[in-house]
Amino acid sequence: MMDVLNQSKIEKLAREIGEENVPMLLEIFLGELVAYQQSLTGDEVTDKTQYLKDISHALKSSAASFGADRLCAKAVDLDAKAKLGEQFDEAVETANMIDILNQTHGYYQQLIVTSSCD
């Protein structure tokens, strides 16, 4: 099974942008994940299929940059289906995306807590 958090990508990111900048960027990334979760579970988004397509496109690069491999794989899969015009089960894919967003958020929140204790 693919990792939720790819530690080597986080370490590479830290070398590229400076370790001191990682917590701030992770907080922004986590904020995005929470916003996506809330939108998928709330009533303000009426077309969940389109919203899944939109966030999948956005998540491909941000999840890859932060080493969120499982989230990235899901985003790539949904984005590819959208580009090919393939249909998918909105309820199933929404539930899967919410689950992966929750898992990713949990792992990365723990990473922030752990790194701030160092």
N, C-alpha and C. Protein backbone atom coordinates (compact mmCIF):
# COMPACT_ATOMS: atom_id res chain seq x y z
N MET A 1 0.84 -1.19 0.00
CA MET A 1 0.00 0.00 0.00
C MET A 1 0.89 1.26 0.00
N MET A 2 0.47 2.23 -0.72
CA MET A 2 1.23 3.47 -0.86
C MET A 2 1.21 4.26 0.46
N ASP A 3 2.34 4.88 0.76
CA ASP A 3 2.44 5.68 1.98
C ASP A 3 1.59 6.93 1.88
N VAL A 4 1.05 7.33 3.03
CA VAL A 4 0.33 8.60 3.11
C VAL A 4 1.34 9.74 3.05
N LEU A 5 2.45 9.57 3.76
CA LEU A 5 3.47 10.61 3.87
C LEU A 5 4.80 10.04 3.41
N ASN A 6 5.39 10.64 2.39
CA ASN A 6 6.68 10.22 1.88
C ASN A 6 7.74 11.12 2.52
N GLN A 7 8.38 10.59 3.56
CA GLN A 7 9.33 11.37 4.34
C GLN A 7 10.49 11.90 3.49
N SER A 8 10.95 11.12 2.53
CA SER A 8 12.08 11.57 1.72
C SER A 8 11.72 12.80 0.88
N LYS A 9 10.46 12.90 0.43
CA LYS A 9 10.04 14.08 -0.32
C LYS A 9 9.97 15.31 0.58
N ILE A 10 9.54 15.10 1.83
CA ILE A 10 9.51 16.21 2.79
C ILE A 10 10.94 16.70 3.05
N GLU A 11 11.86 15.77 3.22
CA GLU A 11 13.26 16.14 3.47
C GLU A 11 13.86 16.87 2.27
N LYS A 12 13.52 16.41 1.07
CA LYS A 12 13.99 17.08 -0.15
C LYS A 12 13.43 18.49 -0.23
N LEU A 13 12.15 18.63 0.07
CA LEU A 13 11.52 19.95 0.07
C LEU A 13 12.22 20.88 1.07
N ALA A 14 12.52 20.35 2.25
CA ALA A 14 13.19 21.14 3.28
C ALA A 14 14.57 21.62 2.80
N ARG A 15 15.29 20.76 2.10
CA ARG A 15 16.60 21.17 1.56
C ARG A 15 16.44 22.25 0.50
N GLU A 16 15.38 22.14 -0.32
CA GLU A 16 15.19 23.09 -1.41
C GLU A 16 14.72 24.46 -0.94
N ILE A 17 13.84 24.50 0.03
CA ILE A 17 13.25 25.78 0.44
C ILE A 17 13.74 26.28 1.80
N GLY A 18 14.50 25.45 2.49
CA GLY A 18 14.95 25.80 3.82
C GLY A 18 14.05 25.18 4.87
N GLU A 19 14.66 24.48 5.79
CA GLU A 19 13.90 23.75 6.81
C GLU A 19 12.97 24.66 7.61
N GLU A 20 13.40 25.88 7.83
CA GLU A 20 12.60 26.82 8.62
C GLU A 20 11.29 27.20 7.93
N ASN A 21 11.21 27.03 6.61
CA ASN A 21 10.00 27.39 5.86
C ASN A 21 8.98 26.25 5.76
N VAL A 22 9.40 25.04 6.06
CA VAL A 22 8.52 23.88 5.90
C VAL A 22 7.27 23.96 6.77
N PRO A 23 7.40 24.26 8.08
CA PRO A 23 6.17 24.29 8.89
C PRO A 23 5.11 25.27 8.37
N MET A 24 5.53 26.43 7.93
CA MET A 24 4.58 27.41 7.40
C MET A 24 3.87 26.87 6.15
N LEU A 25 4.64 26.28 5.25
CA LEU A 25 4.05 25.73 4.03
C LEU A 25 3.15 24.54 4.33
N LEU A 26 3.54 23.72 5.31
CA LEU A 26 2.69 22.60 5.69
C LEU A 26 1.37 23.09 6.29
N GLU A 27 1.43 24.18 7.04
CA GLU A 27 0.19 24.75 7.60
C GLU A 27 -0.74 25.20 6.47
N ILE A 28 -0.20 25.80 5.45
CA ILE A 28 -1.00 26.22 4.29
C ILE A 28 -1.60 24.99 3.60
N PHE A 29 -0.78 23.97 3.39
CA PHE A 29 -1.24 22.73 2.77
C PHE A 29 -2.35 22.10 3.60
N LEU A 30 -2.18 22.05 4.91
CA LEU A 30 -3.21 21.49 5.79
C LEU A 30 -4.49 22.31 5.73
N GLY A 31 -4.35 23.62 5.63
CA GLY A 31 -5.52 24.48 5.49
C GLY A 31 -6.31 24.16 4.23
N GLU A 32 -5.59 23.90 3.15
CA GLU A 32 -6.25 23.51 1.90
C GLU A 32 -6.99 22.19 2.07
N LEU A 33 -6.35 21.23 2.73
CA LEU A 33 -6.98 19.93 2.94
C LEU A 33 -8.27 20.07 3.74
N VAL A 34 -8.23 20.88 4.79
CA VAL A 34 -9.42 21.10 5.62
C VAL A 34 -10.52 21.76 4.79
N ALA A 35 -10.17 22.74 3.99
CA ALA A 35 -11.16 23.42 3.15
C ALA A 35 -11.81 22.44 2.17
N TYR A 36 -11.01 21.56 1.57
CA TYR A 36 -11.55 20.56 0.65
C TYR A 36 -12.48 19.59 1.39
N GLN A 37 -12.05 19.14 2.58
CA GLN A 37 -12.88 18.24 3.39
C GLN A 37 -14.22 18.89 3.70
N GLN A 38 -14.18 20.11 4.16
CA GLN A 38 -15.41 20.81 4.54
C GLN A 38 -16.34 20.99 3.34
N SER A 39 -15.76 21.32 2.21
CA SER A 39 -16.59 21.50 1.01
C SER A 39 -17.22 20.19 0.55
N LEU A 40 -16.48 19.10 0.67
CA LEU A 40 -17.01 17.80 0.26
C LEU A 40 -18.07 17.27 1.22
N THR A 41 -17.97 17.64 2.48
CA THR A 41 -18.94 17.14 3.46
C THR A 41 -20.10 18.11 3.67
N GLY A 42 -19.95 19.35 3.25
CA GLY A 42 -21.00 20.35 3.45
C GLY A 42 -22.00 20.38 2.32
N ASP A 43 -22.91 21.32 2.43
CA ASP A 43 -23.97 21.45 1.44
C ASP A 43 -23.73 22.56 0.42
N GLU A 44 -22.66 23.36 0.60
CA GLU A 44 -22.47 24.50 -0.30
C GLU A 44 -22.04 24.09 -1.70
N VAL A 45 -21.45 22.91 -1.85
CA VAL A 45 -21.06 22.41 -3.17
C VAL A 45 -22.19 21.54 -3.70
N THR A 46 -22.83 22.01 -4.75
CA THR A 46 -23.97 21.26 -5.29
C THR A 46 -23.54 20.21 -6.31
N ASP A 47 -22.46 20.46 -7.03
CA ASP A 47 -21.96 19.51 -8.03
C ASP A 47 -20.66 18.91 -7.52
N LYS A 48 -20.79 17.84 -6.73
CA LYS A 48 -19.62 17.20 -6.12
C LYS A 48 -18.70 16.59 -7.18
N THR A 49 -19.29 16.08 -8.26
CA THR A 49 -18.47 15.49 -9.31
C THR A 49 -17.54 16.54 -9.91
N GLN A 50 -18.07 17.70 -10.23
CA GLN A 50 -17.23 18.77 -10.78
C GLN A 50 -16.21 19.24 -9.75
N TYR A 51 -16.63 19.34 -8.50
CA TYR A 51 -15.72 19.77 -7.44
C TYR A 51 -14.57 18.77 -7.27
N LEU A 52 -14.88 17.47 -7.33
CA LEU A 52 -13.83 16.46 -7.25
C LEU A 52 -12.85 16.62 -8.40
N LYS A 53 -13.37 16.89 -9.58
CA LYS A 53 -12.49 17.11 -10.74
C LYS A 53 -11.60 18.33 -10.50
N ASP A 54 -12.20 19.41 -10.01
CA ASP A 54 -11.45 20.64 -9.79
C ASP A 54 -10.35 20.46 -8.73
N ILE A 55 -10.71 19.86 -7.59
CA ILE A 55 -9.70 19.73 -6.53
C ILE A 55 -8.65 18.69 -6.90
N SER A 56 -9.04 17.68 -7.66
CA SER A 56 -8.06 16.69 -8.08
C SER A 56 -6.98 17.33 -8.94
N HIS A 57 -7.39 18.21 -9.83
CA HIS A 57 -6.42 18.90 -10.66
C HIS A 57 -5.48 19.74 -9.78
N ALA A 58 -6.04 20.44 -8.81
CA ALA A 58 -5.24 21.28 -7.92
C ALA A 58 -4.34 20.45 -7.01
N LEU A 59 -4.85 19.32 -6.55
CA LEU A 59 -4.11 18.50 -5.59
C LEU A 59 -2.95 17.73 -6.20
N LYS A 60 -2.99 17.49 -7.50
CA LYS A 60 -1.92 16.72 -8.13
C LYS A 60 -0.55 17.28 -7.79
N SER A 61 -0.38 18.56 -7.99
CA SER A 61 0.94 19.14 -7.78
C SER A 61 1.24 19.41 -6.30
N SER A 62 0.26 19.92 -5.56
CA SER A 62 0.55 20.23 -4.16
C SER A 62 0.80 18.96 -3.36
N ALA A 63 0.02 17.92 -3.59
CA ALA A 63 0.23 16.66 -2.87
C ALA A 63 1.58 16.05 -3.26
N ALA A 64 1.94 16.13 -4.53
CA ALA A 64 3.24 15.61 -4.96
C ALA A 64 4.37 16.38 -4.31
N SER A 65 4.26 17.69 -4.26
CA SER A 65 5.31 18.52 -3.67
C SER A 65 5.55 18.20 -2.20
N PHE A 66 4.47 17.89 -1.49
CA PHE A 66 4.57 17.63 -0.06
C PHE A 66 4.72 16.15 0.28
N GLY A 67 4.87 15.31 -0.73
CA GLY A 67 5.08 13.89 -0.47
C GLY A 67 3.85 13.17 0.02
N ALA A 68 2.68 13.71 -0.27
CA ALA A 68 1.42 13.06 0.10
C ALA A 68 1.07 12.08 -1.01
N ASP A 69 1.79 10.97 -1.04
CA ASP A 69 1.73 10.05 -2.17
C ASP A 69 0.35 9.45 -2.41
N ARG A 70 -0.33 9.02 -1.36
CA ARG A 70 -1.65 8.41 -1.54
C ARG A 70 -2.64 9.43 -2.08
N LEU A 71 -2.61 10.64 -1.52
CA LEU A 71 -3.49 11.71 -1.99
C LEU A 71 -3.17 12.09 -3.43
N CYS A 72 -1.89 12.16 -3.73
CA CYS A 72 -1.47 12.48 -5.10
C CYS A 72 -1.97 11.42 -6.08
N ALA A 73 -1.84 10.15 -5.72
CA ALA A 73 -2.28 9.08 -6.60
C ALA A 73 -3.79 9.16 -6.85
N LYS A 74 -4.56 9.45 -5.82
CA LYS A 74 -6.01 9.58 -5.98
C LYS A 74 -6.32 10.78 -6.87
N ALA A 75 -5.64 11.89 -6.66
CA ALA A 75 -5.87 13.08 -7.46
C ALA A 75 -5.52 12.84 -8.93
N VAL A 76 -4.41 12.18 -9.17
CA VAL A 76 -4.00 11.86 -10.54
C VAL A 76 -5.04 10.96 -11.21
N ASP A 77 -5.53 9.96 -10.47
CA ASP A 77 -6.53 9.04 -11.01
C ASP A 77 -7.82 9.78 -11.38
N LEU A 78 -8.33 10.59 -10.47
CA LEU A 78 -9.57 11.32 -10.76
C LEU A 78 -9.38 12.35 -11.87
N ASP A 79 -8.24 13.01 -11.87
CA ASP A 79 -7.98 14.01 -12.92
C ASP A 79 -7.90 13.33 -14.29
N ALA A 80 -7.28 12.17 -14.34
CA ALA A 80 -7.18 11.44 -15.61
C ALA A 80 -8.57 11.02 -16.09
N LYS A 81 -9.40 10.54 -15.17
CA LYS A 81 -10.76 10.16 -15.54
C LYS A 81 -11.53 11.37 -16.07
N ALA A 82 -11.35 12.50 -15.41
CA ALA A 82 -12.04 13.72 -15.84
C ALA A 82 -11.59 14.13 -17.24
N LYS A 83 -10.30 14.09 -17.49
CA LYS A 83 -9.78 14.49 -18.80
C LYS A 83 -10.24 13.56 -19.91
N LEU A 84 -10.42 12.29 -19.57
CA LEU A 84 -10.88 11.31 -20.56
C LEU A 84 -12.40 11.26 -20.68
N GLY A 85 -13.07 12.03 -19.83
CA GLY A 85 -14.53 12.05 -19.85
C GLY A 85 -15.17 10.81 -19.27
N GLU A 86 -14.38 10.06 -18.48
CA GLU A 86 -14.91 8.85 -17.86
C GLU A 86 -15.84 9.20 -16.71
N GLN A 87 -16.90 8.43 -16.58
CA GLN A 87 -17.83 8.61 -15.47
C GLN A 87 -17.29 7.89 -14.25
N PHE A 88 -17.63 8.40 -13.07
CA PHE A 88 -17.29 7.69 -11.85
C PHE A 88 -18.40 7.90 -10.84
N ASP A 89 -18.45 7.01 -9.87
CA ASP A 89 -19.49 7.04 -8.85
C ASP A 89 -19.18 8.18 -7.88
N GLU A 90 -19.98 9.23 -7.96
CA GLU A 90 -19.74 10.43 -7.15
C GLU A 90 -19.70 10.11 -5.66
N ALA A 91 -20.63 9.33 -5.17
CA ALA A 91 -20.69 9.03 -3.73
C ALA A 91 -19.46 8.25 -3.28
N VAL A 92 -19.07 7.25 -4.05
CA VAL A 92 -17.90 6.44 -3.70
C VAL A 92 -16.63 7.29 -3.75
N GLU A 93 -16.45 8.04 -4.82
CA GLU A 93 -15.23 8.84 -4.96
C GLU A 93 -15.18 9.98 -3.94
N THR A 94 -16.32 10.55 -3.60
CA THR A 94 -16.35 11.58 -2.56
C THR A 94 -15.93 10.99 -1.23
N ALA A 95 -16.50 9.82 -0.89
CA ALA A 95 -16.14 9.16 0.37
C ALA A 95 -14.66 8.80 0.39
N ASN A 96 -14.14 8.28 -0.73
CA ASN A 96 -12.71 7.94 -0.81
C ASN A 96 -11.83 9.17 -0.64
N MET A 97 -12.20 10.25 -1.31
CA MET A 97 -11.40 11.47 -1.22
C MET A 97 -11.42 12.02 0.21
N ILE A 98 -12.59 12.04 0.83
CA ILE A 98 -12.68 12.52 2.22
C ILE A 98 -11.80 11.67 3.13
N ASP A 99 -11.85 10.36 2.95
CA ASP A 99 -11.03 9.46 3.76
C ASP A 99 -9.54 9.74 3.58
N ILE A 100 -9.11 9.89 2.35
CA ILE A 100 -7.70 10.15 2.07
C ILE A 100 -7.30 11.54 2.58
N LEU A 101 -8.16 12.52 2.41
CA LEU A 101 -7.87 13.86 2.95
C LEU A 101 -7.72 13.80 4.47
N ASN A 102 -8.60 13.05 5.14
CA ASN A 102 -8.52 12.91 6.60
C ASN A 102 -7.22 12.22 7.03
N GLN A 103 -6.88 11.13 6.35
CA GLN A 103 -5.64 10.41 6.66
C GLN A 103 -4.43 11.33 6.47
N THR A 104 -4.41 12.00 5.34
CA THR A 104 -3.28 12.88 5.03
C THR A 104 -3.17 13.98 6.06
N HIS A 105 -4.28 14.59 6.38
CA HIS A 105 -4.29 15.66 7.38
C HIS A 105 -3.73 15.16 8.71
N GLY A 106 -4.17 13.99 9.13
CA GLY A 106 -3.71 13.41 10.39
C GLY A 106 -2.21 13.18 10.42
N TYR A 107 -1.69 12.59 9.37
CA TYR A 107 -0.26 12.32 9.31
C TYR A 107 0.56 13.61 9.30
N TYR A 108 0.12 14.57 8.52
CA TYR A 108 0.89 15.82 8.39
C TYR A 108 0.74 16.68 9.64
N GLN A 109 -0.40 16.63 10.30
CA GLN A 109 -0.56 17.35 11.56
C GLN A 109 0.42 16.77 12.58
N GLN A 110 0.55 15.45 12.61
CA GLN A 110 1.50 14.79 13.51
C GLN A 110 2.93 15.20 13.16
N LEU A 111 3.24 15.33 11.89
CA LEU A 111 4.57 15.76 11.45
C LEU A 111 4.87 17.16 11.97
N ILE A 112 3.91 18.05 11.91
CA ILE A 112 4.12 19.41 12.39
C ILE A 112 4.33 19.41 13.90
N VAL A 113 3.53 18.64 14.61
CA VAL A 113 3.65 18.56 16.07
C VAL A 113 5.02 17.99 16.45
N THR A 114 5.42 16.93 15.77
CA THR A 114 6.70 16.29 16.04
C THR A 114 7.87 17.23 15.74
N SER A 115 7.80 17.93 14.61
CA SER A 115 8.92 18.81 14.23
C SER A 115 8.99 20.03 15.14
N SER A 116 7.87 20.46 15.68
CA SER A 116 7.92 21.62 16.57
C SER A 116 8.43 21.24 17.95
N CYS A 117 8.45 19.93 18.26
CA CYS A 117 8.97 19.47 19.54
C CYS A 117 10.46 19.23 19.50
N ASP A 118 11.03 19.21 18.30
CA ASP A 118 12.49 18.95 18.16
C ASP A 118 13.32 20.11 18.64
